[in-house]
């Protein structure tokens, strides 16, 4: 058979195996009505952590809005949270790195300052690169002036403290764009029925912050008191957390009567967050999952610049009355931790405001 035309620029073209339209309909390129030419080829490097990957998804929303034909590739440590709007999603592993180094892109965004991500920026071919790279000494450096300001906030605490911009705004500026309020983007959660009461607001209390960041840890007795007060106000309360919070959540559940279903793999955990109407959390992965699912949020913040957080009008930030001196520190170094001055009443009041609970 004489094959006259092969459309290698088609979105369906595979190169090594038949494309889906051919398998389904037997068509060849010269008479195919399913032809979809691909626009710019774009690579996003955003490896982790999970919350940072999720809060990079507004960029994906903008890129596809500006050019629906663009072909987006995303390299990450957690493919599970990258939306399916991305055309190609790669786990950070050897076979993916080999493949990407053999490809060429129109535009590359490296939005991580980690050395491995910055090194890849130099190794992968692209007509234009934005974000961060390695300097001659093997250290992170901005690729251009658009990335310089975000680079500086990572070098100096006083510069970071004075930053008036949210993370999405900074992210868009690094990419040479203007942030217009683009929201997070997550695929729908897995379907699972949770044994939670109907007809009552469901409040998720994410009680931990990982084993490393103990400076963000609110006391167990506070979570117990908050759970009791919210249930008294007519809410159903469910405790959220991973394996590190298992013992903590069991104690809180026993003392307060709140629901606790256990620790789960990431997709199931995301489903449980999606079942909530409001989530109370410190700065954690759960915060960004809740934002991605458009939940109301009460954010307990102490060690970060509050301007960093874009809650899209769906949340409130509650902070201790005592100023935090442990900026960006995993462990508190003060004799009296600032979080001891964050009262339960303040957090309950924020929940009541967002849920419009009666007095």
Protein backbone atom coordinates (compact mmCIF):
# COMPACT_ATOMS: atom_id res chain seq x y z
CA UNK A 1 0.00 0.00 0.00
CA UNK A 2 1.26 3.44 -0.92
CA UNK A 3 0.94 5.74 2.13
CA UNK A 4 1.04 9.29 0.77
CA UNK A 5 0.53 11.38 3.88
CA UNK A 6 1.44 10.96 7.54
CA UNK A 7 0.47 13.82 9.84
CA UNK A 8 3.17 13.65 12.49
CA UNK A 9 1.93 16.94 13.96
CA UNK A 10 -1.44 15.40 14.94
CA UNK A 11 -2.31 15.07 18.62
CA UNK A 12 -3.28 11.42 18.06
CA UNK A 13 -0.05 10.41 16.27
CA UNK A 14 1.99 7.85 18.27
CA UNK A 15 4.96 7.10 16.03
CA UNK A 16 5.48 3.48 17.08
CA UNK A 17 1.93 2.08 17.21
CA UNK A 18 -1.38 2.88 15.47
CA UNK A 19 -3.23 5.95 16.70
CA UNK A 20 -6.63 5.63 18.37
CA UNK A 21 -8.71 6.95 15.39
CA UNK A 22 -7.07 4.34 13.14
CA UNK A 23 -7.73 1.53 15.63
CA UNK A 24 -11.34 2.59 16.08
CA UNK A 25 -12.26 3.63 12.54
CA UNK A 26 -9.52 2.25 10.23
CA UNK A 27 -8.76 5.72 8.85
CA UNK A 28 -5.47 6.91 7.36
CA UNK A 29 -4.09 10.43 7.70
CA UNK A 30 -5.10 11.66 4.22
CA UNK A 31 -8.81 11.07 4.89
CA UNK A 32 -9.00 11.39 8.68
CA UNK A 33 -11.60 13.73 10.17
CA UNK A 34 -10.02 13.37 13.63
CA UNK A 35 -6.89 15.32 12.74
CA UNK A 36 -5.92 17.75 15.52
CA UNK A 37 -2.72 19.70 14.87
CA UNK A 38 -0.63 20.34 17.96
CA UNK A 39 0.41 23.89 18.82
CA UNK A 40 3.34 24.89 21.01
CA UNK A 41 5.09 22.10 22.89
CA UNK A 42 5.52 23.16 26.52
CA UNK A 43 7.36 21.42 29.37
CA UNK A 44 6.62 22.23 33.03
CA UNK A 45 9.15 21.04 35.59
CA UNK A 46 7.56 21.11 39.04
CA UNK A 47 8.69 18.15 41.09
CA UNK A 48 7.35 18.59 44.63
CA UNK A 49 6.24 18.86 47.34
CA UNK A 50 2.66 17.75 46.67
CA UNK A 51 1.12 21.04 47.82
CA UNK A 52 3.51 23.02 45.62
CA UNK A 53 2.58 20.89 42.61
CA UNK A 54 -1.12 21.53 43.24
CA UNK A 55 -0.63 25.29 43.60
CA UNK A 56 1.16 25.35 40.25
CA UNK A 57 -1.98 24.10 38.45
CA UNK A 58 -3.40 27.62 37.81
CA UNK A 59 -0.63 27.91 35.21
CA UNK A 60 -1.99 24.87 33.39
CA UNK A 61 -5.44 26.44 33.38
CA UNK A 62 -4.06 29.65 31.81
CA UNK A 63 -1.90 27.94 29.20
CA UNK A 64 -4.79 25.85 27.90
CA UNK A 65 -7.11 28.85 27.95
CA UNK A 66 -4.69 30.96 25.91
CA UNK A 67 -3.93 28.16 23.44
CA UNK A 68 -6.13 25.04 23.52
CA UNK A 69 -3.88 23.39 20.91
CA UNK A 70 -0.72 23.57 23.03
CA UNK A 71 0.84 20.24 23.99
CA UNK A 72 1.76 20.32 27.69
CA UNK A 73 4.27 17.95 29.26
CA UNK A 74 4.70 17.94 33.07
CA UNK A 75 7.53 16.33 35.04
CA UNK A 76 6.84 15.72 38.73
CA UNK A 77 7.40 13.45 41.72
CA UNK A 78 3.63 13.08 42.18
CA UNK A 79 1.78 12.48 38.89
CA UNK A 80 -1.33 11.63 40.94
CA UNK A 81 -2.14 15.31 41.53
CA UNK A 82 -1.36 16.70 38.07
CA UNK A 83 -4.69 17.32 36.28
CA UNK A 84 -5.48 15.33 33.15
CA UNK A 85 -5.66 18.65 31.27
CA UNK A 86 -1.88 18.15 30.93
CA UNK A 87 -1.30 16.09 27.80
CA UNK A 88 1.70 14.10 29.03
CA UNK A 89 2.57 13.51 32.69
CA UNK A 90 5.94 12.04 33.67
CA UNK A 91 7.10 10.68 37.00
CA UNK A 92 10.59 11.86 37.98
CA UNK A 93 12.53 8.69 37.19
CA UNK A 94 15.30 7.59 34.87
CA UNK A 95 13.20 6.51 31.88
CA UNK A 96 11.34 9.83 31.89
CA UNK A 97 14.56 11.85 32.09
CA UNK A 98 16.08 9.91 29.19
CA UNK A 99 12.96 10.48 27.11
CA UNK A 100 12.74 14.21 27.84
CA UNK A 101 16.41 14.78 27.01
CA UNK A 102 15.75 13.33 23.57
CA UNK A 103 12.91 15.78 22.89
CA UNK A 104 12.70 19.45 22.01
CA UNK A 105 10.19 22.03 23.25
CA UNK A 106 9.05 25.47 22.28
CA UNK A 107 8.86 26.59 25.90
CA UNK A 108 10.22 25.18 29.17
CA UNK A 109 9.14 26.35 32.62
CA UNK A 110 11.32 25.19 35.51
CA UNK A 111 9.52 26.33 38.66
CA UNK A 112 11.68 24.42 41.16
CA UNK A 113 14.92 25.65 42.72
CA UNK A 114 16.15 22.12 43.49
CA UNK A 115 19.47 21.34 41.86
CA UNK A 116 18.17 18.33 39.95
CA UNK A 117 15.36 20.41 38.41
CA UNK A 118 17.72 23.29 37.61
CA UNK A 119 20.21 20.87 36.06
CA UNK A 120 17.53 19.39 33.82
CA UNK A 121 16.68 22.88 32.59
CA UNK A 122 20.13 23.05 31.06
CA UNK A 123 20.02 19.54 29.65
CA UNK A 124 16.64 19.63 27.90
CA UNK A 125 16.32 21.43 24.58
CA UNK A 126 13.83 24.31 24.33
CA UNK A 127 13.58 27.46 22.22
CA UNK A 128 12.68 29.51 25.30
CA UNK A 129 13.27 28.78 28.99
CA UNK A 130 11.73 30.48 32.02
CA UNK A 131 12.30 30.04 35.72
CA UNK A 132 15.47 28.68 37.28
CA UNK A 133 18.71 27.03 36.17
CA UNK A 134 22.15 26.18 37.59
CA UNK A 135 24.96 28.72 37.65
CA UNK A 136 28.59 27.82 36.94
CA UNK A 137 29.04 26.73 40.57
CA UNK A 138 26.08 24.33 40.44
CA UNK A 139 23.71 26.57 42.41
CA UNK A 140 20.22 27.83 41.64
CA UNK A 141 20.04 31.02 39.56
CA UNK A 142 17.24 32.90 37.77
CA UNK A 143 17.09 32.48 34.03
CA UNK A 144 15.97 36.08 33.53
CA UNK A 145 14.65 39.18 35.31
CA UNK A 146 11.15 37.67 35.54
CA UNK A 147 12.49 35.04 37.95
CA UNK A 148 14.88 37.28 39.89
CA UNK A 149 12.38 38.54 42.48
CA UNK A 150 11.17 35.03 43.37
CA UNK A 151 14.82 33.95 43.57
CA UNK A 152 15.60 36.73 46.06
CA UNK A 153 12.72 35.82 48.38
CA UNK A 154 14.36 32.43 48.79
CA UNK A 155 17.73 33.97 49.71
CA UNK A 156 16.79 36.50 52.38
CA UNK A 157 14.18 36.13 55.13
CA UNK A 158 13.61 39.90 55.39
CA UNK A 159 12.85 40.06 51.66
CA UNK A 160 10.48 37.11 52.00
CA UNK A 161 8.72 38.67 55.00
CA UNK A 162 8.16 41.92 53.10
CA UNK A 163 6.78 40.20 49.99
CA UNK A 164 3.20 41.43 49.31
CA UNK A 165 2.43 38.89 46.58
CA UNK A 166 0.63 35.56 46.65
CA UNK A 167 2.38 32.44 45.40
CA UNK A 168 0.23 32.19 42.22
CA UNK A 169 1.01 35.84 41.41
CA UNK A 170 4.75 35.18 41.87
CA UNK A 171 4.48 32.00 39.81
CA UNK A 172 2.86 33.80 36.89
CA UNK A 173 5.45 36.57 37.04
CA UNK A 174 8.26 34.01 36.86
CA UNK A 175 6.58 32.71 33.70
CA UNK A 176 6.31 36.22 32.23
CA UNK A 177 2.54 36.41 32.70
CA UNK A 178 0.03 38.46 34.69
CA UNK A 179 -2.02 36.56 37.27
CA UNK A 180 -5.76 37.13 36.73
CA UNK A 181 -7.12 35.05 39.59
CA UNK A 182 -6.80 31.68 37.87
CA UNK A 183 -7.92 29.01 40.34
CA UNK A 184 -6.29 25.73 41.29
CA UNK A 185 -7.22 22.74 39.15
CA UNK A 186 -7.69 19.14 40.30
CA UNK A 187 -9.34 16.17 38.63
CA UNK A 188 -12.51 14.92 40.38
CA UNK A 189 -11.76 12.75 43.41
CA UNK A 190 -12.30 9.00 43.46
CA UNK A 191 -15.84 8.07 44.40
CA UNK A 192 -16.26 6.74 47.93
CA UNK A 193 -19.11 6.90 50.40
CA UNK A 194 -18.14 8.19 53.83
CA UNK A 195 -20.24 7.46 56.91
CA UNK A 196 -20.95 11.11 57.67
CA UNK A 197 -24.25 12.68 58.70
CA UNK A 198 -26.44 14.24 56.00
CA UNK A 199 -27.86 17.73 56.22
CA UNK A 200 -25.11 19.10 58.47
CA UNK A 201 -21.96 21.06 57.57
CA UNK A 202 -18.98 18.71 57.39
CA UNK A 203 -15.85 20.25 58.91
CA UNK A 204 -12.51 18.53 58.39
CA UNK A 205 -9.84 19.15 61.00
CA UNK A 206 -6.38 18.47 59.62
CA UNK A 207 -4.60 18.16 62.94
CA UNK A 208 -0.97 17.62 61.93
CA UNK A 209 1.73 19.13 59.78
CA UNK A 210 4.19 16.30 59.29
CA UNK A 211 6.99 15.18 61.57
CA UNK A 212 9.44 17.84 60.44
CA UNK A 213 7.41 21.03 60.89
CA UNK A 214 6.59 20.90 64.59
CA UNK A 215 6.64 24.71 64.73
CA UNK A 216 3.20 24.61 63.05
CA UNK A 217 1.68 22.07 65.43
CA UNK A 218 -1.39 23.24 67.39
CA UNK A 219 -1.93 21.42 70.70
CA UNK A 220 -4.15 18.33 70.89
CA UNK A 221 -6.31 19.90 73.59
CA UNK A 222 -7.10 22.76 71.22
CA UNK A 223 -8.26 20.39 68.50
CA UNK A 224 -10.39 18.53 71.05
CA UNK A 225 -12.01 21.74 72.23
CA UNK A 226 -12.58 22.94 68.66
CA UNK A 227 -14.17 19.62 67.64
CA UNK A 228 -16.52 19.76 70.62
CA UNK A 229 -17.54 23.38 69.98
CA UNK A 230 -18.20 22.76 66.28
CA UNK A 231 -20.32 19.70 67.03
CA UNK A 232 -22.25 21.70 69.58
CA UNK A 233 -22.87 24.30 66.86
CA UNK A 234 -24.43 21.62 64.63
CA UNK A 235 -21.49 20.53 62.51
CA UNK A 236 -20.23 17.04 61.82
CA UNK A 237 -16.48 16.90 62.44
CA UNK A 238 -14.06 14.53 60.72
CA UNK A 239 -10.36 14.29 61.56
CA UNK A 240 -7.85 14.34 58.70
CA UNK A 241 -4.25 13.22 58.61
CA UNK A 242 -1.74 10.62 57.54
CA UNK A 243 0.15 7.88 59.31
CA UNK A 244 2.13 10.43 61.33
CA UNK A 245 -1.12 11.78 62.79
CA UNK A 246 -2.69 8.37 63.46
CA UNK A 247 -2.06 8.25 67.23
CA UNK A 248 -2.89 11.94 67.59
CA UNK A 249 -6.18 11.65 65.75
CA UNK A 250 -7.22 8.55 67.68
CA UNK A 251 -6.78 10.50 70.94
CA UNK A 252 -8.69 13.50 69.63
CA UNK A 253 -11.51 11.32 68.31
CA UNK A 254 -11.80 9.47 71.60
CA UNK A 255 -11.88 12.68 73.63
CA UNK A 256 -14.19 14.68 71.36
CA UNK A 257 -16.48 12.21 69.57
CA UNK A 258 -15.30 13.44 66.17
CA UNK A 259 -15.29 11.01 63.23
CA UNK A 260 -11.97 9.43 62.33
CA UNK A 261 -11.71 6.91 59.50
CA UNK A 262 -7.95 6.32 59.56
CA UNK A 263 -4.93 7.15 57.42
CA UNK A 264 -5.22 6.52 53.68
CA UNK A 265 -3.25 6.60 50.43
CA UNK A 266 -3.26 9.97 48.70
CA UNK A 267 -6.23 9.42 46.31
CA UNK A 268 -8.48 8.25 49.17
CA UNK A 269 -7.31 11.09 51.40
CA UNK A 270 -8.22 13.54 48.63
CA UNK A 271 -11.68 11.97 48.41
CA UNK A 272 -12.20 12.53 52.14
CA UNK A 273 -11.13 16.18 51.89
CA UNK A 274 -13.56 16.58 48.98
CA UNK A 275 -16.37 15.31 51.22
CA UNK A 276 -15.88 18.26 53.59
CA UNK A 277 -17.56 21.66 53.37
CA UNK A 278 -14.83 23.39 55.34
CA UNK A 279 -11.28 22.40 56.29
CA UNK A 280 -9.30 23.74 59.23
CA UNK A 281 -5.60 23.22 58.65
CA UNK A 282 -2.11 24.54 59.10
CA UNK A 283 0.02 25.07 55.99
CA UNK A 284 0.02 21.51 54.67
CA UNK A 285 -0.75 19.42 51.62
CA UNK A 286 -4.37 19.27 52.83
CA UNK A 287 -4.60 23.06 52.50
CA UNK A 288 -3.85 22.92 48.79
CA UNK A 289 -6.12 19.92 48.19
CA UNK A 290 -8.94 21.82 49.89
CA UNK A 291 -8.29 24.89 47.75
CA UNK A 292 -8.23 22.69 44.65
CA UNK A 293 -11.67 21.30 45.54
CA UNK A 294 -13.05 24.79 46.26
CA UNK A 295 -13.63 24.16 49.96
CA UNK A 296 -14.02 26.83 52.60
CA UNK A 297 -10.80 27.06 54.58
CA UNK A 298 -9.64 28.27 57.97
CA UNK A 299 -5.87 28.48 57.73
CA UNK A 300 -3.79 28.42 60.91
CA UNK A 301 -0.63 30.33 60.04
CA UNK A 302 2.33 31.32 62.14
CA UNK A 303 5.72 30.85 60.44
CA UNK A 304 4.89 32.05 56.92
CA UNK A 305 4.11 35.36 55.24
CA UNK A 306 0.30 35.46 55.13
CA UNK A 307 0.41 37.26 51.76
CA UNK A 308 1.70 34.04 50.21
CA UNK A 309 -1.69 32.32 50.40
CA UNK A 310 -4.35 32.76 47.74
CA UNK A 311 -7.61 31.46 49.18
CA UNK A 312 -9.79 32.84 46.35
CA UNK A 313 -12.26 34.49 48.71
CA UNK A 314 -13.22 31.14 50.24
CA UNK A 315 -11.13 31.25 53.39
CA UNK A 316 -9.86 33.09 56.44
CA UNK A 317 -6.35 33.15 57.91
CA UNK A 318 -6.11 32.95 61.70
CA UNK A 319 -2.81 33.73 63.44
CA UNK A 320 -1.48 33.81 67.02
CA UNK A 321 -1.69 37.07 68.93
CA UNK A 322 2.02 36.68 69.78
CA UNK A 323 4.24 37.48 66.82
CA UNK A 324 6.15 34.49 65.45
CA UNK A 325 9.94 34.79 65.50
CA UNK A 326 10.60 31.39 63.95
CA UNK A 327 10.08 32.45 60.34
CA UNK A 328 10.30 29.39 58.08
CA UNK A 329 11.83 27.27 60.87
CA UNK A 330 10.73 23.63 61.25
CA UNK A 331 11.11 23.72 65.04
CA UNK A 332 10.12 26.52 67.39
CA UNK A 333 13.09 28.14 69.14
CA UNK A 334 11.15 30.39 71.53
CA UNK A 335 10.61 29.61 75.24
CA UNK A 336 6.88 30.27 74.78
CA UNK A 337 5.69 29.07 71.33
CA UNK A 338 3.52 31.61 69.53
CA UNK A 339 0.85 28.98 68.79
CA UNK A 340 -0.01 28.85 72.49
CA UNK A 341 -1.60 32.28 71.91
CA UNK A 342 -3.87 31.07 69.11
CA UNK A 343 -7.16 30.49 70.91
CA UNK A 344 -9.88 28.00 70.09
CA UNK A 345 -12.49 30.76 70.10
CA UNK A 346 -10.71 32.57 67.26
CA UNK A 347 -10.69 29.46 65.10
CA UNK A 348 -14.29 28.59 65.95
CA UNK A 349 -15.37 32.14 65.12
CA UNK A 350 -13.73 31.91 61.68
CA UNK A 351 -15.53 28.61 61.02
CA UNK A 352 -18.82 30.13 62.12
CA UNK A 353 -18.35 33.10 59.78
CA UNK A 354 -17.55 30.98 56.75
CA UNK A 355 -20.36 28.50 57.37
CA UNK A 356 -22.85 31.20 58.42
CA UNK A 357 -23.61 29.27 61.60
CA UNK A 358 -26.29 30.73 63.92
CA UNK A 359 -25.23 32.46 67.12
